[in-house]
């Protein structure tokens, strides 16, 4: 796979052919041989009639039959093995495209795109396969051109008028058909886009079904999906109608051409200018030409669909990273770096200055969800502050190497996802935690209760996005996963909002014990977590307004209102 991914459609399509040339070369050659043999079958039958039957020679008849058998055998095996090469290349290309799309999503620096998960899934399935089919379409286009040339060469030797009729008629029919193919290509591209949108919305609605039911929004959501689905239905019917027009026009024009060829050939046979075998060969070739003519007529529509898919894939692969490239590393001896926000101005932040020491739990109380969201974006290094600096140790966060940053800093968002798998793989994907450490992590996050609730324990299967678990259980597993990293600096955003107060108190105590000697920043208004913090910082209007312990700050009426409501 090339390191540089094409970011426009034509280079992507060219690469689809170029990087499989070792398989495609023998595949194209074998399909060309297949098409050559297909074209020669009517000629061979004509030879059998002229030399084997009319000559009344048994030896010639047997010889010509053997030639026909050899031709059919070569035809069958050429198609079989040629198709194997090409289909293998097609499937390999589709696989590579799916891998590139997944790699773009899973890149350490992320991908900045507004496409829904279902739309990305559509890119990795339907669009990737459609681009891969370019190698297949190209093979049959080459074979169709070859067959037309062979037919024309043979017919010119038999009859000049019929040969010229084919040489002029086939390109004329193909050109006329091209009037319709752009319409098919445009409608196909629109259909692919509307289906991707419908798939994306359906996936999004299914993942959010429980919250929708909670607020009674099923009817609104269903109405949105129905509108998008009807558009996809309309576009699909429109494409089918366009292909029907194209097929009808192709059949009509090729039928007229072939009828003209058959008429001229029949008249030549009646006049004695053609033998019976030549007449049979010409009629057979005329009938055979219908398929390559249709293939040549439809090729631009087929490539148009592939081009639309290539355009969407290349646009997605060209989407920028969430985080800028960086190659600065922390100092070798910086095993406990300080996380610092210094006079940060960004969105609702108006000069925020906060520092988390390597051995403290700092709780941050904010009055505006937008402040928390902006903070999480900055701590994820997805953007730089407009003014000020967010740093880990002595290095600005956005300048820090991704791998180095991940080793030292773990940021767990409020909406942390729980992937499909088991409870064990959710908490410890690499299986690197020892039994004692795992037990402590489970206890600190109160996830040991989730494990104990099911007879399979850590092997309990978790469905996609953790939909088989309650909101509180998902939060506990997400918290346990974050704690299991034992990162020198850990940021938690509202880790206990779906957990009851009794369990929350146990989590606060467990967090205090497990994160001893580590830097921990918790965005929360939970009294239990605030009580466990070494220091509480209150942020109003995007800047620090109060600092102290939870007990000290309870004397402030505004603070009490924020955390005790």
Protein backbone atom coordinates (compact mmCIF):
# COMPACT_ATOMS: atom_id res chain seq x y z
CA UNK A 1 0.00 0.00 0.00
CA UNK A 2 1.29 3.45 -0.87
CA UNK A 3 1.99 5.85 1.94
CA UNK A 4 0.31 8.73 0.11
CA UNK A 5 -3.40 8.21 -0.42
CA UNK A 6 -4.93 9.86 -3.53
CA UNK A 7 -7.21 12.71 -2.52
CA UNK A 8 -9.08 13.12 -5.83
CA UNK A 9 -11.15 10.63 -7.87
CA UNK A 10 -9.05 9.99 -10.99
CA UNK A 11 -5.79 9.24 -9.18
CA UNK A 12 -7.73 6.90 -6.89
CA UNK A 13 -9.22 5.03 -9.86
CA UNK A 14 -5.87 4.86 -11.66
CA UNK A 15 -4.23 3.51 -8.53
CA UNK A 16 -6.92 0.83 -8.28
CA UNK A 17 -5.67 -0.57 -11.58
CA UNK A 18 -1.96 0.20 -11.17
CA UNK A 19 -1.39 -1.49 -7.82
CA UNK A 20 -2.85 -4.80 -9.01
CA UNK A 21 -1.07 -5.02 -12.36
CA UNK A 22 0.56 -8.37 -11.51
CA UNK A 23 -2.86 -10.00 -11.27
CA UNK A 24 -4.60 -7.89 -13.86
CA UNK A 25 -2.06 -8.47 -16.64
CA UNK A 26 -2.66 -12.24 -16.89
CA UNK A 27 -6.34 -11.69 -16.18
CA UNK A 28 -6.75 -9.20 -19.01
CA UNK A 29 -4.74 -11.41 -21.38
CA UNK A 30 -6.86 -14.47 -20.57
CA UNK A 31 -10.11 -12.53 -20.94
CA UNK A 32 -8.85 -11.19 -24.27
CA UNK A 33 -8.20 -14.79 -25.34
CA UNK A 34 -11.70 -15.72 -24.13
CA UNK A 35 -13.27 -12.91 -26.13
CA UNK A 36 -11.19 -13.84 -29.18
CA UNK A 37 -12.41 -17.42 -28.97
CA UNK A 38 -16.01 -16.27 -28.42
CA UNK A 39 -15.74 -14.19 -31.57
CA UNK A 40 -14.26 -17.03 -33.59
CA UNK A 41 -16.93 -19.59 -32.64
CA UNK A 42 -19.39 -18.49 -35.39
CA UNK A 43 -16.49 -18.44 -37.85
CA UNK A 44 -15.49 -21.96 -36.81
CA UNK A 45 -19.07 -23.17 -37.24
CA UNK A 46 -19.10 -21.68 -40.73
CA UNK A 47 -15.85 -23.51 -41.51
CA UNK A 48 -17.41 -26.78 -40.31
CA UNK A 49 -20.32 -26.23 -42.68
CA UNK A 50 -18.21 -25.21 -45.71
CA UNK A 51 -15.28 -27.60 -45.35
CA UNK A 52 -16.76 -30.47 -43.40
CA UNK A 53 -20.33 -30.79 -44.58
CA UNK A 54 -20.54 -29.30 -48.07
CA UNK A 55 -17.26 -30.94 -49.08
CA UNK A 56 -18.62 -34.32 -47.91
CA UNK A 57 -15.15 -35.09 -46.53
CA UNK A 58 -15.19 -37.05 -43.28
CA UNK A 59 -11.60 -36.17 -42.39
CA UNK A 60 -12.20 -32.46 -42.96
CA UNK A 61 -15.41 -32.67 -40.95
CA UNK A 62 -13.68 -34.36 -38.01
CA UNK A 63 -10.73 -31.96 -38.18
CA UNK A 64 -12.98 -28.91 -38.21
CA UNK A 65 -14.99 -30.31 -35.29
CA UNK A 66 -11.80 -30.86 -33.32
CA UNK A 67 -10.80 -27.27 -34.00
CA UNK A 68 -14.22 -26.16 -32.73
CA UNK A 69 -13.82 -28.30 -29.59
CA UNK A 70 -10.35 -26.86 -28.95
CA UNK A 71 -11.74 -23.37 -29.44
CA UNK A 72 -14.56 -23.99 -26.95
CA UNK A 73 -12.17 -25.54 -24.43
CA UNK A 74 -9.76 -22.61 -24.69
CA UNK A 75 -12.71 -20.25 -24.35
CA UNK A 76 -13.98 -21.92 -21.17
CA UNK A 77 -10.64 -22.17 -19.39
CA UNK A 78 -9.54 -18.67 -20.41
CA UNK A 79 -12.71 -17.16 -18.96
CA UNK A 80 -12.51 -19.26 -15.79
CA UNK A 81 -8.94 -18.43 -14.88
CA UNK A 82 -9.00 -14.88 -16.27
CA UNK A 83 -12.03 -14.08 -14.13
CA UNK A 84 -10.27 -15.53 -11.10
CA UNK A 85 -7.37 -13.13 -11.50
CA UNK A 86 -9.66 -10.14 -11.99
CA UNK A 87 -12.12 -10.98 -9.22
CA UNK A 88 -9.19 -11.53 -6.85
CA UNK A 89 -7.87 -8.07 -7.78
CA UNK A 90 -11.36 -6.59 -7.35
CA UNK A 91 -11.80 -8.06 -3.87
CA UNK A 92 -8.25 -7.11 -2.89
CA UNK A 93 -8.80 -3.51 -3.98
CA UNK A 94 -12.10 -3.31 -2.08
CA UNK A 95 -10.33 -4.69 0.99
CA UNK A 96 -7.48 -2.18 0.71
CA UNK A 97 -9.94 0.70 0.37
CA UNK A 98 -11.88 -0.48 3.41
CA UNK A 99 -8.60 -0.71 5.32
CA UNK A 100 -7.64 2.84 4.30
CA UNK A 101 -11.03 4.20 5.34
CA UNK A 102 -10.81 2.41 8.70
CA UNK A 103 -7.20 3.53 9.10
CA UNK A 104 -8.20 7.14 8.47
CA UNK A 105 -10.87 6.93 11.18
CA UNK A 106 -8.61 5.10 13.64
CA UNK A 107 -5.50 7.21 13.04
CA UNK A 108 -3.97 8.40 16.34
CA UNK A 109 -4.64 12.00 15.34
CA UNK A 110 -8.23 11.24 14.30
CA UNK A 111 -10.21 12.55 11.33
CA UNK A 112 -12.21 15.77 11.25
CA UNK A 113 -15.41 14.89 9.38
CA UNK A 114 -19.09 15.67 9.78
CA UNK A 115 -20.18 12.35 8.28
CA UNK A 116 -22.32 10.07 10.42
CA UNK A 117 -20.96 6.60 11.29
CA UNK A 118 -23.47 5.01 8.92
CA UNK A 119 -22.22 7.17 6.06
CA UNK A 120 -18.64 6.12 6.73
CA UNK A 121 -19.86 2.50 6.82
CA UNK A 122 -21.44 3.04 3.40
CA UNK A 123 -18.09 4.32 2.10
CA UNK A 124 -16.32 1.23 3.39
CA UNK A 125 -18.87 -1.16 1.89
CA UNK A 126 -20.81 -0.08 -1.20
CA UNK A 127 -18.46 2.67 -2.40
CA UNK A 128 -15.29 0.65 -1.82
CA UNK A 129 -16.71 -2.26 -3.79
CA UNK A 130 -17.89 0.01 -6.60
CA UNK A 131 -14.42 1.49 -6.98
CA UNK A 132 -12.93 -2.00 -6.95
CA UNK A 133 -15.21 -2.96 -9.83
CA UNK A 134 -13.26 -0.59 -12.07
CA UNK A 135 -10.74 -3.36 -12.71
CA UNK A 136 -13.62 -5.63 -13.75
CA UNK A 137 -15.26 -3.01 -15.98
CA UNK A 138 -11.95 -2.21 -17.66
CA UNK A 139 -11.37 -5.89 -18.45
CA UNK A 140 -14.70 -6.27 -20.22
CA UNK A 141 -14.31 -2.97 -22.03
CA UNK A 142 -10.98 -4.12 -23.47
CA UNK A 143 -12.50 -7.48 -24.39
CA UNK A 144 -15.49 -5.81 -26.06
CA UNK A 145 -13.26 -3.53 -28.13
CA UNK A 146 -11.16 -6.50 -29.15
CA UNK A 147 -14.19 -8.49 -30.26
CA UNK A 148 -15.52 -5.63 -32.39
CA UNK A 149 -12.12 -5.22 -34.09
CA UNK A 150 -11.85 -8.98 -34.77
CA UNK A 151 -15.36 -9.09 -36.21
CA UNK A 152 -14.66 -6.10 -38.42
CA UNK A 153 -11.38 -7.58 -39.71
CA UNK A 154 -13.03 -10.91 -40.55
CA UNK A 155 -16.09 -9.36 -42.17
CA UNK A 156 -13.99 -6.97 -44.29
CA UNK A 157 -12.26 -10.02 -45.77
CA UNK A 158 -15.61 -11.67 -46.51
CA UNK A 159 -17.63 -8.64 -47.64
CA UNK A 160 -16.44 -5.03 -47.84
CA UNK A 161 -19.93 -3.50 -47.49
CA UNK A 162 -20.82 -5.47 -44.35
CA UNK A 163 -17.40 -4.77 -42.85
CA UNK A 164 -17.80 -1.03 -43.39
CA UNK A 165 -21.33 -1.21 -42.00
CA UNK A 166 -19.98 -2.71 -38.77
CA UNK A 167 -16.98 -0.36 -38.57
CA UNK A 168 -19.23 2.69 -38.98
CA UNK A 169 -22.34 1.39 -37.21
CA UNK A 170 -20.81 0.22 -33.92
CA UNK A 171 -19.10 3.56 -33.09
CA UNK A 172 -22.25 5.41 -34.19
CA UNK A 173 -24.48 3.31 -31.91
CA UNK A 174 -22.01 3.72 -29.05
CA UNK A 175 -21.89 7.50 -29.46
CA UNK A 176 -25.68 7.82 -29.55
CA UNK A 177 -25.95 5.73 -26.38
CA UNK A 178 -23.55 8.13 -24.64
CA UNK A 179 -26.34 10.73 -24.73
CA UNK A 180 -28.14 8.73 -22.04
CA UNK A 181 -25.21 7.42 -19.98
CA UNK A 182 -24.35 10.76 -18.27
CA UNK A 183 -27.94 10.82 -16.97
CA UNK A 184 -27.50 7.32 -15.57
CA UNK A 185 -24.16 8.25 -14.01
CA UNK A 186 -25.57 11.38 -12.35
CA UNK A 187 -28.58 9.55 -11.00
CA UNK A 188 -26.40 6.68 -9.77
CA UNK A 189 -24.19 9.10 -7.86
CA UNK A 190 -27.21 10.82 -6.35
CA UNK A 191 -28.64 7.44 -5.36
CA UNK A 192 -25.37 6.43 -3.66
CA UNK A 193 -25.34 9.68 -1.68
CA UNK A 194 -28.97 9.40 -0.58
CA UNK A 195 -28.53 5.75 0.45
CA UNK A 196 -25.43 6.69 2.46
CA UNK A 197 -27.37 9.48 4.17
CA UNK A 198 -30.26 7.15 4.98
CA UNK A 199 -27.86 4.51 6.32
CA UNK A 200 -26.06 7.09 8.44
CA UNK A 201 -29.29 8.43 9.90
CA UNK A 202 -30.64 4.93 10.57
CA UNK A 203 -27.45 3.96 12.42
CA UNK A 204 -27.54 7.19 14.41
CA UNK A 205 -31.19 6.72 15.37
CA UNK A 206 -30.67 3.11 16.45
CA UNK A 207 -27.78 4.09 18.70
CA UNK A 208 -29.88 6.87 20.24
CA UNK A 209 -33.14 4.93 20.44
CA UNK A 210 -33.21 4.70 24.24
CA UNK A 211 -32.78 8.48 24.81
CA UNK A 212 -35.35 9.16 22.06
CA UNK A 213 -37.88 6.98 23.86
CA UNK A 214 -37.05 8.74 27.09
CA UNK A 215 -38.02 12.16 25.71
CA UNK A 216 -40.84 10.90 23.49
CA UNK A 217 -39.06 11.86 20.29
CA UNK A 218 -39.77 8.68 18.33
CA UNK A 219 -42.30 10.33 16.00
CA UNK A 220 -40.00 13.21 15.10
CA UNK A 221 -37.08 10.86 14.51
CA UNK A 222 -39.23 8.53 12.43
CA UNK A 223 -40.45 11.49 10.36
CA UNK A 224 -36.85 12.55 9.64
CA UNK A 225 -35.87 9.04 8.62
CA UNK A 226 -38.99 8.61 6.48
CA UNK A 227 -38.14 11.76 4.54
CA UNK A 228 -34.56 10.65 3.93
CA UNK A 229 -35.64 7.09 3.11
CA UNK A 230 -38.22 8.30 0.60
CA UNK A 231 -35.55 10.36 -1.11
CA UNK A 232 -33.35 7.26 -1.32
CA UNK A 233 -36.30 5.26 -2.65
CA UNK A 234 -37.03 7.91 -5.27
CA UNK A 235 -33.40 8.03 -6.36
CA UNK A 236 -33.20 4.24 -6.56
CA UNK A 237 -36.32 4.05 -8.74
CA UNK A 238 -34.94 6.89 -10.84
CA UNK A 239 -31.68 4.99 -11.40
CA UNK A 240 -33.57 1.81 -12.31
CA UNK A 241 -35.67 3.79 -14.78
CA UNK A 242 -32.53 5.33 -16.29
CA UNK A 243 -30.91 1.93 -16.71
CA UNK A 244 -34.14 0.78 -18.35
CA UNK A 245 -33.95 3.69 -20.82
CA UNK A 246 -30.31 2.89 -21.48
CA UNK A 247 -31.02 -0.81 -21.98
CA UNK A 248 -33.96 -0.08 -24.25
CA UNK A 249 -32.00 2.38 -26.37
CA UNK A 250 -29.05 -0.02 -26.59
CA UNK A 251 -31.30 -2.90 -27.62
CA UNK A 252 -33.11 -0.77 -30.21
CA UNK A 253 -30.03 0.71 -31.88
CA UNK A 254 -27.96 -2.47 -31.77
CA UNK A 255 -30.98 -4.40 -33.04
CA UNK A 256 -31.34 -2.04 -36.00
CA UNK A 257 -27.65 -2.32 -36.79
CA UNK A 258 -27.64 -6.08 -36.51
CA UNK A 259 -30.79 -6.35 -38.62
CA UNK A 260 -29.13 -4.26 -41.32
CA UNK A 261 -26.04 -6.49 -41.22
CA UNK A 262 -28.17 -9.63 -41.40
CA UNK A 263 -30.20 -8.21 -44.27
CA UNK A 264 -27.13 -7.33 -46.33
CA UNK A 265 -25.55 -10.72 -45.56
CA UNK A 266 -28.72 -12.58 -46.50
CA UNK A 267 -28.97 -10.70 -49.76
CA UNK A 268 -25.32 -11.55 -50.49
CA UNK A 269 -26.04 -15.24 -49.89
CA UNK A 270 -29.06 -15.14 -52.20
CA UNK A 271 -26.94 -13.49 -54.91
CA UNK A 272 -24.31 -16.18 -54.51
CA UNK A 273 -21.64 -13.82 -53.24
CA UNK A 274 -21.48 -15.65 -49.87
CA UNK A 275 -21.26 -19.36 -49.13
CA UNK A 276 -23.59 -21.03 -46.67
CA UNK A 277 -20.80 -21.25 -44.09
CA UNK A 278 -19.97 -17.56 -44.52
CA UNK A 279 -23.64 -16.66 -44.13
CA UNK A 280 -23.84 -18.72 -40.90
CA UNK A 281 -20.66 -17.07 -39.63
CA UNK A 282 -21.93 -13.57 -40.41
CA UNK A 283 -25.32 -14.18 -38.81
CA UNK A 284 -23.60 -15.66 -35.74
CA UNK A 285 -21.19 -12.75 -35.51
CA UNK A 286 -24.07 -10.33 -35.91
CA UNK A 287 -25.91 -11.96 -33.02
CA UNK A 288 -22.71 -12.08 -30.96
CA UNK A 289 -22.04 -8.35 -31.46
CA UNK A 290 -25.08 -7.43 -29.37
CA UNK A 291 -23.22 -8.12 -26.11
CA UNK A 292 -20.02 -6.12 -26.77
CA UNK A 293 -22.06 -3.24 -28.19
CA UNK A 294 -24.15 -3.15 -25.01
CA UNK A 295 -20.95 -3.34 -22.93
CA UNK A 296 -19.39 -0.42 -24.78
CA UNK A 297 -22.61 1.55 -24.53
CA UNK A 298 -22.90 1.12 -20.76
CA UNK A 299 -19.24 1.57 -19.90
CA UNK A 300 -19.43 5.31 -19.27
CA UNK A 301 -22.41 4.87 -16.94
CA UNK A 302 -20.57 2.15 -15.05
CA UNK A 303 -17.43 4.25 -14.77
CA UNK A 304 -19.61 7.22 -13.77
CA UNK A 305 -20.87 5.28 -10.75
CA UNK A 306 -17.32 4.25 -9.85
CA UNK A 307 -16.15 7.85 -10.26
CA UNK A 308 -18.84 9.07 -7.85
CA UNK A 309 -17.76 6.49 -5.26
CA UNK A 310 -14.10 7.41 -5.81
CA UNK A 311 -14.96 11.08 -5.32
CA UNK A 312 -16.64 10.40 -1.97
CA UNK A 313 -13.86 8.11 -0.74
CA UNK A 314 -11.09 10.49 -1.80
CA UNK A 315 -12.89 13.43 -0.17
CA UNK A 316 -13.18 11.47 3.07
CA UNK A 317 -9.54 10.39 2.96
CA UNK A 318 -8.58 14.04 2.35
CA UNK A 319 -10.43 15.23 5.46
CA UNK A 320 -7.98 16.87 7.89
CA UNK A 321 -6.78 15.38 11.13
CA UNK A 322 -8.35 16.37 14.41
CA UNK A 323 -4.90 16.97 15.80
CA UNK A 324 -1.98 18.64 14.01
CA UNK A 325 1.23 16.68 13.44
CA UNK A 326 3.83 16.99 16.18
CA UNK A 327 7.12 15.33 16.96
CA UNK A 328 8.25 16.90 20.25
CA UNK A 329 8.79 14.47 23.12
CA UNK A 330 8.74 15.02 26.84
CA UNK A 331 12.03 14.93 28.70
CA UNK A 332 13.22 11.40 29.43
CA UNK A 333 13.01 11.95 33.19
CA UNK A 334 9.56 13.58 33.02
CA UNK A 335 7.61 10.66 34.51
CA UNK A 336 5.22 12.94 36.40
CA UNK A 337 4.56 16.02 34.24
CA UNK A 338 2.41 18.93 35.36
CA UNK A 339 -0.72 19.73 33.31
CA UNK A 340 -1.05 23.50 32.93
CA UNK A 341 -3.54 25.88 31.33
CA UNK A 342 -2.04 29.35 31.29
CA UNK A 343 -4.21 32.41 30.45
CA UNK A 344 -6.20 30.36 27.92
CA UNK A 345 -8.61 32.21 25.66
CA UNK A 346 -10.67 29.94 23.41
CA UNK A 347 -14.40 30.17 22.77
CA UNK A 348 -16.06 30.71 26.18
CA UNK A 349 -12.72 30.54 28.02
CA UNK A 350 -11.64 34.04 29.01
CA UNK A 351 -8.16 33.79 30.48
CA UNK A 352 -8.44 30.47 32.29
CA UNK A 353 -5.36 29.51 34.30
CA UNK A 354 -5.25 26.14 36.04
CA UNK A 355 -2.38 23.83 36.99
CA UNK A 356 -2.59 20.22 38.16
CA UNK A 357 0.36 19.04 40.23
CA UNK A 358 1.78 15.53 39.72
CA UNK A 359 0.44 14.30 43.08
CA UNK A 360 -2.99 15.91 43.42
CA UNK A 361 -6.61 15.44 42.50
CA UNK A 362 -7.98 18.73 41.21
CA UNK A 363 -11.76 19.13 40.79
CA UNK A 364 -13.00 21.72 38.33
CA UNK A 365 -16.53 23.10 38.72
CA UNK A 366 -17.80 24.96 35.65
CA UNK A 367 -21.00 26.94 35.20
CA UNK A 368 -21.37 26.38 31.46
CA UNK A 369 -21.32 23.05 29.54
CA UNK A 370 -19.67 24.89 26.64
CA UNK A 371 -16.70 25.62 28.89
CA UNK A 372 -16.32 21.93 29.69
CA UNK A 373 -16.62 20.98 26.00
CA UNK A 374 -13.99 23.53 25.01
CA UNK A 375 -11.66 22.31 27.75
CA UNK A 376 -12.01 18.71 26.59
CA UNK A 377 -11.28 19.74 23.00
CA UNK A 378 -8.12 21.53 24.09
CA UNK A 379 -7.01 18.66 26.31
CA UNK A 380 -7.55 16.24 23.44
CA UNK A 381 -5.19 18.53 21.47
CA UNK A 382 -7.79 18.78 18.71
CA UNK A 383 -7.23 22.52 18.51
CA UNK A 384 -4.91 25.22 19.84
CA UNK A 385 -6.13 28.01 22.11
CA UNK A 386 -6.66 31.39 20.51
CA UNK A 387 -4.40 32.83 23.17
CA UNK A 388 -2.45 31.32 26.01
CA UNK A 389 -0.99 27.85 26.36
CA UNK A 390 -2.04 24.33 27.31
CA UNK A 391 1.03 22.31 28.21
CA UNK A 392 2.18 19.01 29.63
CA UNK A 393 5.43 19.54 31.44
CA UNK A 394 7.34 22.14 29.44
CA UNK A 395 5.79 21.20 26.06
CA UNK A 396 2.64 22.67 24.53
CA UNK A 397 0.07 19.90 24.19
CA UNK A 398 -0.44 20.45 20.44
CA UNK A 399 3.33 20.23 19.87
CA UNK A 400 3.67 16.93 21.71
CA UNK A 401 4.15 13.68 19.83
CA UNK A 402 0.88 11.71 19.80
CA UNK A 403 2.36 8.51 21.22
CA UNK A 404 4.23 10.41 23.92
CA UNK A 405 1.12 12.36 24.85
CA UNK A 406 -0.91 9.18 25.11
CA UNK A 407 1.66 7.59 27.38
CA UNK A 408 1.49 10.52 29.80
CA UNK A 409 -2.04 11.88 29.42
CA UNK A 410 -5.39 10.08 29.20
CA UNK A 411 -8.55 12.14 28.65
CA UNK A 412 -11.81 10.29 29.32
CA UNK A 413 -14.83 12.19 27.94
CA UNK A 414 -18.26 12.16 29.54
CA UNK A 415 -19.74 10.18 26.64
CA UNK A 416 -17.03 7.50 26.65
CA UNK A 417 -18.09 4.65 24.36
CA UNK A 418 -18.08 1.02 25.39
CA UNK A 419 -17.23 -1.16 22.38
CA UNK A 420 -18.57 -4.63 21.64
CA UNK A 421 -16.66 -7.42 23.34
CA UNK A 422 -16.58 -8.56 26.95
CA UNK A 423 -16.29 -6.69 30.23
CA UNK A 424 -12.70 -7.86 30.46
CA UNK A 425 -11.70 -6.62 27.00
CA UNK A 426 -13.52 -3.34 27.63
CA UNK A 427 -11.46 -2.58 30.72
CA UNK A 428 -8.18 -4.18 29.66
CA UNK A 429 -8.12 -4.51 25.83
CA UNK A 430 -4.53 -5.73 25.75
CA UNK A 431 -4.90 -8.15 28.65
CA UNK A 432 -1.82 -6.62 30.31
CA UNK A 433 -3.21 -6.02 33.80
CA UNK A 434 -2.26 -8.43 36.53
CA UNK A 435 -4.97 -9.98 38.70
CA UNK A 436 -4.22 -7.75 41.71
CA UNK A 437 -4.14 -4.55 39.66
CA UNK A 438 -7.35 -5.48 37.83
CA UNK A 439 -9.09 -6.18 41.12
CA UNK A 440 -8.08 -2.76 42.48
CA UNK A 441 -9.23 -1.00 39.30
CA UNK A 442 -12.60 -2.76 39.36
CA UNK A 443 -13.10 -1.88 43.01
CA UNK A 444 -12.11 1.78 42.54
CA UNK A 445 -14.63 2.23 39.72
CA UNK A 446 -17.30 0.10 41.45
CA UNK A 447 -17.16 -2.07 38.33
CA UNK A 448 -16.66 -5.16 40.51
CA UNK A 449 -20.41 -4.99 41.20
CA UNK A 450 -21.12 -5.08 37.45
CA UNK A 451 -18.86 -8.13 37.13
CA UNK A 452 -20.52 -9.86 40.09
CA UNK A 453 -24.03 -9.36 38.68
CA UNK A 454 -23.48 -11.85 35.85
CA UNK A 455 -22.43 -15.51 36.12
CA UNK A 456 -19.87 -15.08 33.34
CA UNK A 457 -18.13 -12.26 35.22
CA UNK A 458 -15.40 -10.64 33.14
CA UNK A 459 -16.41 -12.83 30.19
CA UNK A 460 -19.87 -11.31 30.06
CA UNK A 461 -20.57 -10.23 26.49
CA UNK A 462 -21.07 -6.50 25.95
CA UNK A 463 -23.06 -5.49 22.87
CA UNK A 464 -22.06 -2.68 20.53
CA UNK A 465 -21.84 0.69 22.32
CA UNK A 466 -22.69 -1.12 25.54
CA UNK A 467 -26.42 -1.15 24.80
CA UNK A 468 -26.80 -4.33 26.87
CA UNK A 469 -25.73 -2.34 29.96
CA UNK A 470 -27.40 0.43 31.91
CA UNK A 471 -26.04 3.98 31.76
CA UNK A 472 -24.47 3.63 35.19
CA UNK A 473 -22.82 0.32 34.29
CA UNK A 474 -21.36 1.85 31.14
CA UNK A 475 -19.97 4.75 33.17
CA UNK A 476 -18.33 2.38 35.63
CA UNK A 477 -16.68 0.36 32.85
CA UNK A 478 -15.49 3.54 31.11
CA UNK A 479 -14.05 4.82 34.38
CA UNK A 480 -12.36 1.47 35.07
CA UNK A 481 -10.85 1.53 31.57
CA UNK A 482 -9.44 5.01 32.21
CA UNK A 483 -8.07 4.05 35.62
CA UNK A 484 -6.52 0.88 34.21
CA UNK A 485 -4.14 2.96 32.08
CA UNK A 486 -2.43 4.26 35.24
CA UNK A 487 -1.57 7.38 33.23
CA UNK A 488 0.64 9.97 34.97
CA UNK A 489 -2.06 12.57 34.15
CA UNK A 490 -5.73 11.58 33.96
CA UNK A 491 -8.64 13.85 32.99
CA UNK A 492 -12.21 12.73 33.78
CA UNK A 493 -15.31 14.56 32.63
CA UNK A 494 -18.39 13.93 34.82
CA UNK A 495 -17.56 10.24 35.36
CA UNK A 496 -20.42 9.51 37.80
CA UNK A 497 -23.51 11.37 36.54
CA UNK A 498 -25.48 8.12 36.03
CA UNK A 499 -24.39 6.53 39.32
CA UNK A 500 -26.26 6.64 42.63
CA UNK A 501 -24.83 8.68 45.50
CA UNK A 502 -23.86 5.69 47.68
CA UNK A 503 -21.86 4.06 44.87
CA UNK A 504 -20.49 7.49 43.95
CA UNK A 505 -19.01 7.85 47.43
CA UNK A 506 -17.25 4.52 47.06
CA UNK A 507 -15.87 5.61 43.69
CA UNK A 508 -14.57 8.85 45.22
CA UNK A 509 -12.72 6.88 47.89
CA UNK A 510 -11.39 4.41 45.32
CA UNK A 511 -10.23 7.22 43.05
CA UNK A 512 -8.43 8.83 45.96
CA UNK A 513 -6.64 5.58 46.77
CA UNK A 514 -5.80 4.44 43.23
CA UNK A 515 -4.59 7.83 41.94
CA UNK A 516 -2.34 8.54 44.90
CA UNK A 517 0.87 10.15 43.60
CA UNK A 518 -0.66 10.83 40.18
CA UNK A 519 -2.14 13.99 38.65
CA UNK A 520 -5.93 13.82 38.22
CA UNK A 521 -8.22 16.52 36.86
CA UNK A 522 -11.95 15.88 37.32
CA UNK A 523 -14.62 18.10 35.76
CA UNK A 524 -17.55 17.52 38.11
CA UNK A 525 -20.12 18.99 40.44
CA UNK A 526 -20.50 15.79 42.48
CA UNK A 527 -20.13 16.53 46.22
CA UNK A 528 -18.53 13.12 46.79
CA UNK A 529 -15.82 13.70 44.16
CA UNK A 530 -15.34 17.30 45.27
CA UNK A 531 -14.84 16.14 48.87
CA UNK A 532 -12.18 13.65 47.68
CA UNK A 533 -10.27 16.32 45.73
CA UNK A 534 -7.18 18.00 47.15
CA UNK A 535 -8.25 21.26 45.59
CA UNK A 536 -11.42 22.62 43.99
CA UNK A 537 -11.36 25.32 41.32
CA UNK A 538 -14.61 27.10 40.39
CA UNK A 539 -14.87 28.56 36.88
CA UNK A 540 -17.50 31.18 36.02
CA UNK A 541 -17.55 33.11 32.79
CA UNK A 542 -14.58 31.18 31.47
CA UNK A 543 -12.18 32.20 34.26
CA UNK A 544 -11.27 31.06 37.78
CA UNK A 545 -13.33 32.77 40.48
CA UNK A 546 -12.79 30.53 43.52
CA UNK A 547 -10.11 28.11 44.72
CA UNK A 548 -9.95 26.03 47.89
CA UNK A 549 -11.02 22.77 49.43
CA UNK A 550 -14.63 21.60 49.19
CA UNK A 551 -15.15 22.23 52.90
CA UNK A 552 -13.75 25.77 52.65
CA UNK A 553 -15.81 26.67 49.57
CA UNK A 554 -19.10 25.53 51.10
CA UNK A 555 -19.15 28.87 52.94
CA UNK A 556 -19.71 30.56 49.57
CA UNK A 557 -23.46 30.75 48.66
CA UNK A 558 -22.80 30.57 44.93
CA UNK A 559 -20.66 27.47 45.32
CA UNK A 560 -23.27 25.77 47.48
CA UNK A 561 -25.86 26.48 44.82
CA UNK A 562 -23.63 24.99 42.10
CA UNK A 563 -22.81 21.73 43.89
CA UNK A 564 -25.69 21.03 46.27
CA UNK A 565 -28.66 21.57 44.01
